[in-house]
Amino acid sequence: MGADDVIVAFGDSLTYGTGAAEHESYPAVLAQLTGRQVVRAGVPGEVTAQALHRLPQVIAEHQPRLMIVCLGGNDMLRKVNEAETRSNLRAIIGPSGSAASRWC
């Protein structure tokens, strides 16, 4: 990664930092530790289907070189079908041709 490359932390309330001050969220701490730009793209309460829908806009806006994904907890809490959650996560992070791999 180059010095100017952007990292996007993409996820739910854990990524957003719910319950912590903004400077205590893991994206803020990661930015401080690495000296890199880390975008905090967490949405509290979001399930994987919503994140999958939001992903193209986040990629277009920030043009990340690296994306850290932290999702799935809200799906479990809301009893979303496990197969649907897995399918959404695969579309977000894997294989070639998926929404996330286009920016790699």
PDB file of N, CA and C in Angstrom:
ATOM      1  N   MET A   1       0.834  -1.183   0.000  1.00  0.00           N
ATOM      2  CA  MET A   1       0.000   0.000   0.000  1.00  0.00           C
ATOM      3  C   MET A   1       0.878   1.244   0.000  1.00  0.00           C
ATOM      4  N   GLY A   2       0.429   2.213  -0.748  1.00  0.00           N
ATOM      5  CA  GLY A   2       1.120   3.491  -0.777  1.00  0.00           C
ATOM      6  C   GLY A   2       0.726   4.358   0.408  1.00  0.00           C
ATOM      7  N   ALA A   3       1.513   5.369   0.659  1.00  0.00           N
ATOM      8  CA  ALA A   3       1.269   6.245   1.808  1.00  0.00           C
ATOM      9  C   ALA A   3      -0.077   6.959   1.729  1.00  0.00           C
ATOM     10  N   ASP A   4      -0.569   7.212   0.529  1.00  0.00           N
ATOM     11  CA  ASP A   4      -1.829   7.941   0.365  1.00  0.00           C
ATOM     12  C   ASP A   4      -3.035   7.028   0.173  1.00  0.00           C
ATOM     13  N   ASP A   5      -2.828   5.717   0.183  1.00  0.00           N
ATOM     14  CA  ASP A   5      -3.940   4.796  -0.003  1.00  0.00           C
ATOM     15  C   ASP A   5      -4.896   4.858   1.183  1.00  0.00           C
ATOM     16  N   VAL A   6      -6.179   4.708   0.889  1.00  0.00           N
ATOM     17  CA  VAL A   6      -7.234   4.815   1.897  1.00  0.00           C
ATOM     18  C   VAL A   6      -7.644   3.427   2.369  1.00  0.00           C
ATOM     19  N   ILE A   7      -7.864   3.320   3.669  1.00  0.00           N
ATOM     20  CA  ILE A   7      -8.422   2.119   4.282  1.00  0.00           C
ATOM     21  C   ILE A   7      -9.851   2.455   4.703  1.00  0.00           C
ATOM     22  N   VAL A   8     -10.792   1.585   4.372  1.00  0.00           N
ATOM     23  CA  VAL A   8     -12.170   1.764   4.821  1.00  0.00           C
ATOM     24  C   VAL A   8     -12.491   0.666   5.828  1.00  0.00           C
ATOM     25  N   ALA A   9     -12.922   1.071   7.006  1.00  0.00           N
ATOM     26  CA  ALA A   9     -13.450   0.154   8.005  1.00  0.00           C
ATOM     27  C   ALA A   9     -14.961   0.139   7.793  1.00  0.00           C
ATOM     28  N   PHE A  10     -15.475  -0.983   7.314  1.00  0.00           N
ATOM     29  CA  PHE A  10     -16.865  -1.108   6.859  1.00  0.00           C
ATOM     30  C   PHE A  10     -17.587  -2.078   7.773  1.00  0.00           C
ATOM     31  N   GLY A  11     -18.651  -1.618   8.424  1.00  0.00           N
ATOM     32  CA  GLY A  11     -19.353  -2.532   9.304  1.00  0.00           C
ATOM     33  C   GLY A  11     -20.535  -1.931  10.007  1.00  0.00           C
ATOM     34  N   ASP A  12     -20.766  -2.441  11.208  1.00  0.00           N
ATOM     35  CA  ASP A  12     -21.937  -2.059  11.993  1.00  0.00           C
ATOM     36  C   ASP A  12     -21.521  -1.212  13.194  1.00  0.00           C
ATOM     37  N   SER A  13     -22.195  -1.371  14.316  1.00  0.00           N
ATOM     38  CA  SER A  13     -21.922  -0.539  15.487  1.00  0.00           C
ATOM     39  C   SER A  13     -20.525  -0.759  16.055  1.00  0.00           C
ATOM     40  N   LEU A  14     -19.962  -1.944  15.903  1.00  0.00           N
ATOM     41  CA  LEU A  14     -18.600  -2.183  16.374  1.00  0.00           C
ATOM     42  C   LEU A  14     -17.613  -1.294  15.619  1.00  0.00           C
ATOM     43  N   THR A  15     -17.835  -1.145  14.337  1.00  0.00           N
ATOM     44  CA  THR A  15     -16.980  -0.285  13.513  1.00  0.00           C
ATOM     45  C   THR A  15     -17.267   1.183  13.794  1.00  0.00           C
ATOM     46  N   TYR A  16     -18.524   1.512  13.960  1.00  0.00           N
ATOM     47  CA  TYR A  16     -18.904   2.893  14.259  1.00  0.00           C
ATOM     48  C   TYR A  16     -18.311   3.354  15.584  1.00  0.00           C
ATOM     49  N   GLY A  17     -18.259   2.422  16.535  1.00  0.00           N
ATOM     50  CA  GLY A  17     -17.737   2.760  17.854  1.00  0.00           C
ATOM     51  C   GLY A  17     -18.811   3.121  18.850  1.00  0.00           C
ATOM     52  N   THR A  18     -19.980   2.544  18.691  1.00  0.00           N
ATOM     53  CA  THR A  18     -21.083   2.813  19.610  1.00  0.00           C
ATOM     54  C   THR A  18     -20.625   2.582  21.050  1.00  0.00           C
ATOM     55  N   GLY A  19     -20.882   3.574  21.894  1.00  0.00           N
ATOM     56  CA  GLY A  19     -20.498   3.476  23.298  1.00  0.00           C
ATOM     57  C   GLY A  19     -19.118   4.033  23.589  1.00  0.00           C
ATOM     58  N   ALA A  20     -18.414   4.449  22.559  1.00  0.00           N
ATOM     59  CA  ALA A  20     -17.068   5.011  22.726  1.00  0.00           C
ATOM     60  C   ALA A  20     -17.029   6.402  22.104  1.00  0.00           C
ATOM     61  N   ALA A  21     -16.095   7.196  22.538  1.00  0.00           N
ATOM     62  CA  ALA A  21     -15.876   8.484  21.880  1.00  0.00           C
ATOM     63  C   ALA A  21     -15.343   8.211  20.473  1.00  0.00           C
ATOM     64  N   GLU A  22     -15.609   9.120  19.547  1.00  0.00           N
ATOM     65  CA  GLU A  22     -15.186   8.892  18.159  1.00  0.00           C
ATOM     66  C   GLU A  22     -13.694   8.575  18.061  1.00  0.00           C
ATOM     67  N   HIS A  23     -12.873   9.258  18.836  1.00  0.00           N
ATOM     68  CA  HIS A  23     -11.425   9.027  18.768  1.00  0.00           C
ATOM     69  C   HIS A  23     -11.013   7.685  19.377  1.00  0.00           C
ATOM     70  N   GLU A  24     -11.960   7.001  20.036  1.00  0.00           N
ATOM     71  CA  GLU A  24     -11.700   5.688  20.614  1.00  0.00           C
ATOM     72  C   GLU A  24     -12.196   4.543  19.727  1.00  0.00           C
ATOM     73  N   SER A  25     -12.883   4.859  18.646  1.00  0.00           N
ATOM     74  CA  SER A  25     -13.368   3.801  17.739  1.00  0.00           C
ATOM     75  C   SER A  25     -12.170   3.100  17.118  1.00  0.00           C
ATOM     76  N   TYR A  26     -12.335   1.829  16.732  1.00  0.00           N
ATOM     77  CA  TYR A  26     -11.173   1.129  16.195  1.00  0.00           C
ATOM     78  C   TYR A  26     -10.647   1.753  14.910  1.00  0.00           C
ATOM     79  N   PRO A  27     -11.495   2.326  14.029  1.00  0.00           N
ATOM     80  CA  PRO A  27     -10.915   2.993  12.862  1.00  0.00           C
ATOM     81  C   PRO A  27     -10.033   4.191  13.240  1.00  0.00           C
ATOM     82  N   ALA A  28     -10.442   4.952  14.247  1.00  0.00           N
ATOM     83  CA  ALA A  28      -9.642   6.104  14.679  1.00  0.00           C
ATOM     84  C   ALA A  28      -8.326   5.650  15.295  1.00  0.00           C
ATOM     85  N   VAL A  29      -8.371   4.603  16.100  1.00  0.00           N
ATOM     86  CA  VAL A  29      -7.151   4.078  16.716  1.00  0.00           C
ATOM     87  C   VAL A  29      -6.228   3.510  15.640  1.00  0.00           C
ATOM     88  N   LEU A  30      -6.795   2.793  14.673  1.00  0.00           N
ATOM     89  CA  LEU A  30      -5.992   2.249  13.573  1.00  0.00           C
ATOM     90  C   LEU A  30      -5.311   3.371  12.786  1.00  0.00           C
ATOM     91  N   ALA A  31      -6.027   4.437  12.518  1.00  0.00           N
ATOM     92  CA  ALA A  31      -5.451   5.582  11.803  1.00  0.00           C
ATOM     93  C   ALA A  31      -4.298   6.185  12.595  1.00  0.00           C
ATOM     94  N   GLN A  32      -4.486   6.308  13.892  1.00  0.00           N
ATOM     95  CA  GLN A  32      -3.446   6.866  14.740  1.00  0.00           C
ATOM     96  C   GLN A  32      -2.216   5.963  14.776  1.00  0.00           C
ATOM     97  N   LEU A  33      -2.419   4.667  14.880  1.00  0.00           N
ATOM     98  CA  LEU A  33      -1.304   3.727  14.966  1.00  0.00           C
ATOM     99  C   LEU A  33      -0.537   3.587  13.651  1.00  0.00           C
ATOM    100  N   THR A  34      -1.252   3.700  12.536  1.00  0.00           N
ATOM    101  CA  THR A  34      -0.620   3.469  11.234  1.00  0.00           C
ATOM    102  C   THR A  34      -0.212   4.741  10.515  1.00  0.00           C
ATOM    103  N   GLY A  35      -0.794   5.871  10.912  1.00  0.00           N
ATOM    104  CA  GLY A  35      -0.527   7.113  10.208  1.00  0.00           C
ATOM    105  C   GLY A  35      -1.193   7.172   8.843  1.00  0.00           C
ATOM    106  N   ARG A  36      -2.185   6.331   8.626  1.00  0.00           N
ATOM    107  CA  ARG A  36      -2.902   6.280   7.354  1.00  0.00           C
ATOM    108  C   ARG A  36      -4.317   6.812   7.519  1.00  0.00           C
ATOM    109  N   GLN A  37      -4.919   7.171   6.390  1.00  0.00           N
ATOM    110  CA  GLN A  37      -6.317   7.590   6.415  1.00  0.00           C
ATOM    111  C   GLN A  37      -7.195   6.356   6.527  1.00  0.00           C
ATOM    112  N   VAL A  38      -7.991   6.295   7.591  1.00  0.00           N
ATOM    113  CA  VAL A  38      -8.927   5.195   7.803  1.00  0.00           C
ATOM    114  C   VAL A  38     -10.319   5.797   7.912  1.00  0.00           C
ATOM    115  N   VAL A  39     -11.190   5.421   7.002  1.00  0.00           N
ATOM    116  CA  VAL A  39     -12.567   5.919   6.982  1.00  0.00           C
ATOM    117  C   VAL A  39     -13.420   5.033   7.876  1.00  0.00           C
ATOM    118  N   ARG A  40     -14.142   5.650   8.776  1.00  0.00           N
ATOM    119  CA  ARG A  40     -15.054   4.928   9.676  1.00  0.00           C
ATOM    120  C   ARG A  40     -16.406   4.841   8.990  1.00  0.00           C
ATOM    121  N   ALA A  41     -16.669   3.703   8.341  1.00  0.00           N
ATOM    122  CA  ALA A  41     -17.912   3.500   7.602  1.00  0.00           C
ATOM    123  C   ALA A  41     -18.769   2.445   8.299  1.00  0.00           C
ATOM    124  N   GLY A  42     -19.034   2.681   9.574  1.00  0.00           N
ATOM    125  CA  GLY A  42     -19.876   1.791  10.356  1.00  0.00           C
ATOM    126  C   GLY A  42     -21.247   2.393  10.566  1.00  0.00           C
ATOM    127  N   VAL A  43     -22.273   1.550  10.503  1.00  0.00           N
ATOM    128  CA  VAL A  43     -23.651   1.990  10.716  1.00  0.00           C
ATOM    129  C   VAL A  43     -24.269   1.112  11.813  1.00  0.00           C
ATOM    130  N   PRO A  44     -24.548   1.702  12.970  1.00  0.00           N
ATOM    131  CA  PRO A  44     -25.141   0.912  14.050  1.00  0.00           C
ATOM    132  C   PRO A  44     -26.444   0.242  13.627  1.00  0.00           C
ATOM    133  N   GLY A  45     -26.583  -1.021  13.999  1.00  0.00           N
ATOM    134  CA  GLY A  45     -27.811  -1.759  13.725  1.00  0.00           C
ATOM    135  C   GLY A  45     -27.920  -2.350  12.333  1.00  0.00           C
ATOM    136  N   GLU A  46     -26.940  -2.111  11.501  1.00  0.00           N
ATOM    137  CA  GLU A  46     -27.032  -2.548  10.106  1.00  0.00           C
ATOM    138  C   GLU A  46     -26.855  -4.065   9.975  1.00  0.00           C
ATOM    139  N   VAL A  47     -27.683  -4.668   9.135  1.00  0.00           N
ATOM    140  CA  VAL A  47     -27.536  -6.085   8.802  1.00  0.00           C
ATOM    141  C   VAL A  47     -26.804  -6.202   7.469  1.00  0.00           C
ATOM    142  N   THR A  48     -26.369  -7.403   7.140  1.00  0.00           N
ATOM    143  CA  THR A  48     -25.536  -7.596   5.945  1.00  0.00           C
ATOM    144  C   THR A  48     -26.241  -7.194   4.657  1.00  0.00           C
ATOM    145  N   ALA A  49     -27.552  -7.392   4.571  1.00  0.00           N
ATOM    146  CA  ALA A  49     -28.271  -7.002   3.349  1.00  0.00           C
ATOM    147  C   ALA A  49     -28.191  -5.494   3.137  1.00  0.00           C
ATOM    148  N   GLN A  50     -28.328  -4.732   4.215  1.00  0.00           N
ATOM    149  CA  GLN A  50     -28.217  -3.276   4.125  1.00  0.00           C
ATOM    150  C   GLN A  50     -26.795  -2.863   3.765  1.00  0.00           C
ATOM    151  N   ALA A  51     -25.820  -3.521   4.358  1.00  0.00           N
ATOM    152  CA  ALA A  51     -24.420  -3.205   4.072  1.00  0.00           C
ATOM    153  C   ALA A  51     -24.077  -3.494   2.617  1.00  0.00           C
ATOM    154  N   LEU A  52     -24.575  -4.599   2.104  1.00  0.00           N
ATOM    155  CA  LEU A  52     -24.331  -4.950   0.704  1.00  0.00           C
ATOM    156  C   LEU A  52     -24.896  -3.869  -0.215  1.00  0.00           C
ATOM    157  N   HIS A  53     -26.045  -3.358   0.118  1.00  0.00           N
ATOM    158  CA  HIS A  53     -26.668  -2.294  -0.665  1.00  0.00           C
ATOM    159  C   HIS A  53     -25.856  -0.991  -0.584  1.00  0.00           C
ATOM    160  N   ARG A  54     -25.273  -0.715   0.569  1.00  0.00           N
ATOM    161  CA  ARG A  54     -24.507   0.513   0.805  1.00  0.00           C
ATOM    162  C   ARG A  54     -23.093   0.457   0.234  1.00  0.00           C
ATOM    163  N   LEU A  55     -22.563  -0.741   0.055  1.00  0.00           N
ATOM    164  CA  LEU A  55     -21.163  -0.936  -0.342  1.00  0.00           C
ATOM    165  C   LEU A  55     -20.726  -0.173  -1.595  1.00  0.00           C
ATOM    166  N   PRO A  56     -21.444  -0.234  -2.705  1.00  0.00           N
ATOM    167  CA  PRO A  56     -20.964   0.461  -3.904  1.00  0.00           C
ATOM    168  C   PRO A  56     -20.765   1.961  -3.697  1.00  0.00           C
ATOM    169  N   GLN A  57     -21.642   2.587  -2.939  1.00  0.00           N
ATOM    170  CA  GLN A  57     -21.521   4.024  -2.673  1.00  0.00           C
ATOM    171  C   GLN A  57     -20.266   4.318  -1.851  1.00  0.00           C
ATOM    172  N   VAL A  58     -19.990   3.492  -0.852  1.00  0.00           N
ATOM    173  CA  VAL A  58     -18.803   3.687  -0.006  1.00  0.00           C
ATOM    174  C   VAL A  58     -17.541   3.531  -0.841  1.00  0.00           C
ATOM    175  N   ILE A  59     -17.508   2.517  -1.691  1.00  0.00           N
ATOM    176  CA  ILE A  59     -16.342   2.290  -2.551  1.00  0.00           C
ATOM    177  C   ILE A  59     -16.153   3.460  -3.507  1.00  0.00           C
ATOM    178  N   ALA A  60     -17.234   3.899  -4.139  1.00  0.00           N
ATOM    179  CA  ALA A  60     -17.140   5.015  -5.086  1.00  0.00           C
ATOM    180  C   ALA A  60     -16.679   6.295  -4.403  1.00  0.00           C
ATOM    181  N   GLU A  61     -17.173   6.534  -3.206  1.00  0.00           N
ATOM    182  CA  GLU A  61     -16.841   7.776  -2.500  1.00  0.00           C
ATOM    183  C   GLU A  61     -15.406   7.807  -1.996  1.00  0.00           C
ATOM    184  N   HIS A  62     -14.905   6.677  -1.501  1.00  0.00           N
ATOM    185  CA  HIS A  62     -13.602   6.681  -0.824  1.00  0.00           C
ATOM    186  C   HIS A  62     -12.472   6.024  -1.608  1.00  0.00           C
ATOM    187  N   GLN A  63     -12.793   5.259  -2.643  1.00  0.00           N
ATOM    188  CA  GLN A  63     -11.777   4.593  -3.469  1.00  0.00           C
ATOM    189  C   GLN A  63     -10.723   3.880  -2.603  1.00  0.00           C
ATOM    190  N   PRO A  64     -11.151   2.962  -1.724  1.00  0.00           N
ATOM    191  CA  PRO A  64     -10.200   2.336  -0.802  1.00  0.00           C
ATOM    192  C   PRO A  64      -9.243   1.376  -1.495  1.00  0.00           C
ATOM    193  N   ARG A  65      -8.071   1.261  -0.941  1.00  0.00           N
ATOM    194  CA  ARG A  65      -7.105   0.242  -1.363  1.00  0.00           C
ATOM    195  C   ARG A  65      -7.297  -1.011  -0.521  1.00  0.00           C
ATOM    196  N   LEU A  66      -7.771  -0.808   0.716  1.00  0.00           N
ATOM    197  CA  LEU A  66      -8.004  -1.905   1.651  1.00  0.00           C
ATOM    198  C   LEU A  66      -9.321  -1.653   2.367  1.00  0.00           C
ATOM    199  N   MET A  67     -10.101  -2.722   2.537  1.00  0.00           N
ATOM    200  CA  MET A  67     -11.341  -2.604   3.285  1.00  0.00           C
ATOM    201  C   MET A  67     -11.358  -3.676   4.363  1.00  0.00           C
ATOM    202  N   ILE A  68     -11.658  -3.255   5.587  1.00  0.00           N
ATOM    203  CA  ILE A  68     -11.812  -4.160   6.721  1.00  0.00           C
ATOM    204  C   ILE A  68     -13.312  -4.292   6.965  1.00  0.00           C
ATOM    205  N   VAL A  69     -13.810  -5.535   6.971  1.00  0.00           N
ATOM    206  CA  VAL A  69     -15.248  -5.768   7.098  1.00  0.00           C
ATOM    207  C   VAL A  69     -15.545  -6.420   8.446  1.00  0.00           C
ATOM    208  N   CYS A  70     -16.501  -5.839   9.164  1.00  0.00           N
ATOM    209  CA  CYS A  70     -16.936  -6.375  10.454  1.00  0.00           C
ATOM    210  C   CYS A  70     -18.463  -6.348  10.474  1.00  0.00           C
ATOM    211  N   LEU A  71     -19.070  -7.446  10.068  1.00  0.00           N
ATOM    212  CA  LEU A  71     -20.531  -7.532   9.936  1.00  0.00           C
ATOM    213  C   LEU A  71     -21.021  -8.917  10.335  1.00  0.00           C
ATOM    214  N   GLY A  72     -22.306  -9.007  10.620  1.00  0.00           N
ATOM    215  CA  GLY A  72     -22.948 -10.291  10.866  1.00  0.00           C
ATOM    216  C   GLY A  72     -23.604 -10.403  12.229  1.00  0.00           C
ATOM    217  N   GLY A  73     -23.132  -9.631  13.195  1.00  0.00           N
ATOM    218  CA  GLY A  73     -23.696  -9.715  14.537  1.00  0.00           C
ATOM    219  C   GLY A  73     -25.165  -9.331  14.590  1.00  0.00           C
ATOM    220  N   ASN A  74     -25.529  -8.291  13.865  1.00  0.00           N
ATOM    221  CA  ASN A  74     -26.936  -7.868  13.869  1.00  0.00           C
ATOM    222  C   ASN A  74     -27.822  -8.873  13.149  1.00  0.00           C
ATOM    223  N   ASP A  75     -27.279  -9.545  12.157  1.00  0.00           N
ATOM    224  CA  ASP A  75     -28.045 -10.613  11.496  1.00  0.00           C
ATOM    225  C   ASP A  75     -28.399 -11.700  12.517  1.00  0.00           C
ATOM    226  N   MET A  76     -27.402 -12.075  13.329  1.00  0.00           N
ATOM    227  CA  MET A  76     -27.657 -13.110  14.332  1.00  0.00           C
ATOM    228  C   MET A  76     -28.672 -12.625  15.363  1.00  0.00           C
ATOM    229  N   LEU A  77     -28.514 -11.384  15.819  1.00  0.00           N
ATOM    230  CA  LEU A  77     -29.448 -10.847  16.814  1.00  0.00           C
ATOM    231  C   LEU A  77     -30.877 -10.779  16.287  1.00  0.00           C
ATOM    232  N   ARG A  78     -31.020 -10.507  14.993  1.00  0.00           N
ATOM    233  CA  ARG A  78     -32.354 -10.400  14.386  1.00  0.00           C
ATOM    234  C   ARG A  78     -32.834 -11.710  13.772  1.00  0.00           C
ATOM    235  N   LYS A  79     -32.041 -12.754  13.993  1.00  0.00           N
ATOM    236  CA  LYS A  79     -32.378 -14.096  13.518  1.00  0.00           C
ATOM    237  C   LYS A  79     -32.572 -14.161  11.998  1.00  0.00           C
ATOM    238  N   VAL A  80     -31.714 -13.440  11.285  1.00  0.00           N
ATOM    239  CA  VAL A  80     -31.708 -13.524   9.819  1.00  0.00           C
ATOM    240  C   VAL A  80     -31.229 -14.931   9.454  1.00  0.00           C
ATOM    241  N   ASN A  81     -31.828 -15.497   8.434  1.00  0.00           N
ATOM    242  CA  ASN A  81     -31.443 -16.817   7.968  1.00  0.00           C
ATOM    243  C   ASN A  81     -29.937 -16.875   7.740  1.00  0.00           C
ATOM    244  N   GLU A  82     -29.290 -17.894   8.295  1.00  0.00           N
ATOM    245  CA  GLU A  82     -27.835 -18.013   8.201  1.00  0.00           C
ATOM    246  C   GLU A  82     -27.355 -18.072   6.754  1.00  0.00           C
ATOM    247  N   ALA A  83     -28.084 -18.764   5.897  1.00  0.00           N
ATOM    248  CA  ALA A  83     -27.693 -18.855   4.487  1.00  0.00           C
ATOM    249  C   ALA A  83     -27.702 -17.473   3.829  1.00  0.00           C
ATOM    250  N   GLU A  84     -28.694 -16.648   4.176  1.00  0.00           N
ATOM    251  CA  GLU A  84     -28.758 -15.294   3.630  1.00  0.00           C
ATOM    252  C   GLU A  84     -27.577 -14.453   4.116  1.00  0.00           C
ATOM    253  N   THR A  85     -27.266 -14.566   5.398  1.00  0.00           N
ATOM    254  CA  THR A  85     -26.125 -13.826   5.954  1.00  0.00           C
ATOM    255  C   THR A  85     -24.837 -14.238   5.265  1.00  0.00           C
ATOM    256  N   ARG A  86     -24.631 -15.538   5.127  1.00  0.00           N
ATOM    257  CA  ARG A  86     -23.414 -16.037   4.452  1.00  0.00           C
ATOM    258  C   ARG A  86     -23.344 -15.544   3.010  1.00  0.00           C
ATOM    259  N   SER A  87     -24.458 -15.580   2.327  1.00  0.00           N
ATOM    260  CA  SER A  87     -24.503 -15.122   0.932  1.00  0.00           C
ATOM    261  C   SER A  87     -24.156 -13.641   0.837  1.00  0.00           C
ATOM    262  N   ASN A  88     -24.711 -12.843   1.730  1.00  0.00           N
ATOM    263  CA  ASN A  88     -24.410 -11.410   1.724  1.00  0.00           C
ATOM    264  C   ASN A  88     -22.940 -11.156   2.019  1.00  0.00           C
ATOM    265  N   LEU A  89     -22.391 -11.857   3.003  1.00  0.00           N
ATOM    266  CA  LEU A  89     -20.974 -11.677   3.334  1.00  0.00           C
ATOM    267  C   LEU A  89     -20.079 -12.107   2.181  1.00  0.00           C
ATOM    268  N   ARG A  90     -20.435 -13.206   1.523  1.00  0.00           N
ATOM    269  CA  ARG A  90     -19.645 -13.636   0.352  1.00  0.00           C
ATOM    270  C   ARG A  90     -19.680 -12.582  -0.744  1.00  0.00           C
ATOM    271  N   ALA A  91     -20.839 -11.974  -0.947  1.00  0.00           N
ATOM    272  CA  ALA A  91     -20.953 -10.935  -1.972  1.00  0.00           C
ATOM    273  C   ALA A  91     -20.142  -9.698  -1.598  1.00  0.00           C
ATOM    274  N   ILE A  92     -20.032  -9.421  -0.307  1.00  0.00           N
ATOM    275  CA  ILE A  92     -19.278  -8.253   0.151  1.00  0.00           C
ATOM    276  C   ILE A  92     -17.772  -8.500   0.058  1.00  0.00           C
ATOM    277  N   ILE A  93     -17.302  -9.663   0.484  1.00  0.00           N
ATOM    278  CA  ILE A  93     -15.855  -9.879   0.594  1.00  0.00           C
ATOM    279  C   ILE A  93     -15.244 -10.825  -0.423  1.00  0.00           C
ATOM    280  N   GLY A  94     -16.043 -11.648  -1.066  1.00  0.00           N
ATOM    281  CA  GLY A  94     -15.387 -12.657  -1.858  1.00  0.00           C
ATOM    282  C   GLY A  94     -16.001 -12.763  -3.195  1.00  0.00           C
ATOM    283  N   PRO A  95     -15.908 -13.830  -3.833  1.00  0.00           N
ATOM    284  CA  PRO A  95     -14.873 -14.130  -4.821  1.00  0.00           C
ATOM    285  C   PRO A  95     -14.787 -13.082  -5.910  1.00  0.00           C
ATOM    286  N   SER A  96     -13.865 -13.249  -6.788  1.00  0.00           N
ATOM    287  CA  SER A  96     -13.663 -12.286  -7.872  1.00  0.00           C
ATOM    288  C   SER A  96     -14.967 -12.040  -8.602  1.00  0.00           C
ATOM    289  N   GLY A  97     -15.229 -10.768  -8.864  1.00  0.00           N
ATOM    290  CA  GLY A  97     -16.459 -10.397  -9.548  1.00  0.00           C
ATOM    291  C   GLY A  97     -17.523  -9.886  -8.590  1.00  0.00           C
ATOM    292  N   SER A  98     -17.291 -10.034  -7.278  1.00  0.00           N
ATOM    293  CA  SER A  98     -18.266  -9.516  -6.319  1.00  0.00           C
ATOM    294  C   SER A  98     -18.104  -8.019  -6.167  1.00  0.00           C
ATOM    295  N   ALA A  99     -19.015  -7.421  -5.447  1.00  0.00           N
ATOM    296  CA  ALA A  99     -19.001  -5.964  -5.282  1.00  0.00           C
ATOM    297  C   ALA A  99     -17.686  -5.465  -4.684  1.00  0.00           C
ATOM    298  N   ALA A 100     -17.188  -6.110  -3.635  1.00  0.00           N
ATOM    299  CA  ALA A 100     -15.977  -5.624  -2.972  1.00  0.00           C
ATOM    300  C   ALA A 100     -14.729  -5.896  -3.785  1.00  0.00           C
ATOM    301  N   SER A 101     -14.666  -7.040  -4.494  1.00  0.00           N
ATOM    302  CA  SER A 101     -13.421  -7.333  -5.198  1.00  0.00           C
ATOM    303  C   SER A 101     -13.159  -6.417  -6.369  1.00  0.00           C
ATOM    304  N   ARG A 102     -14.156  -5.700  -6.808  1.00  0.00           N
ATOM    305  CA  ARG A 102     -13.949  -4.775  -7.929  1.00  0.00           C
ATOM    306  C   ARG A 102     -13.000  -3.642  -7.572  1.00  0.00           C
ATOM    307  N   TRP A 103     -12.887  -3.304  -6.301  1.00  0.00           N
ATOM    308  CA  TRP A 103     -12.019  -2.188  -5.932  1.00  0.00           C
ATOM    309  C   TRP A 103     -10.623  -2.636  -5.584  1.00  0.00           C
ATOM    310  N   CYS A 104     -10.367  -3.930  -5.493  1.00  0.00           N
ATOM    311  CA  CYS A 104      -9.029  -4.418  -5.120  1.00  0.00           C
ATOM    312  C   CYS A 104      -7.992  -4.158  -6.210  1.00  0.00           C
TER     313      CYS A 104
END
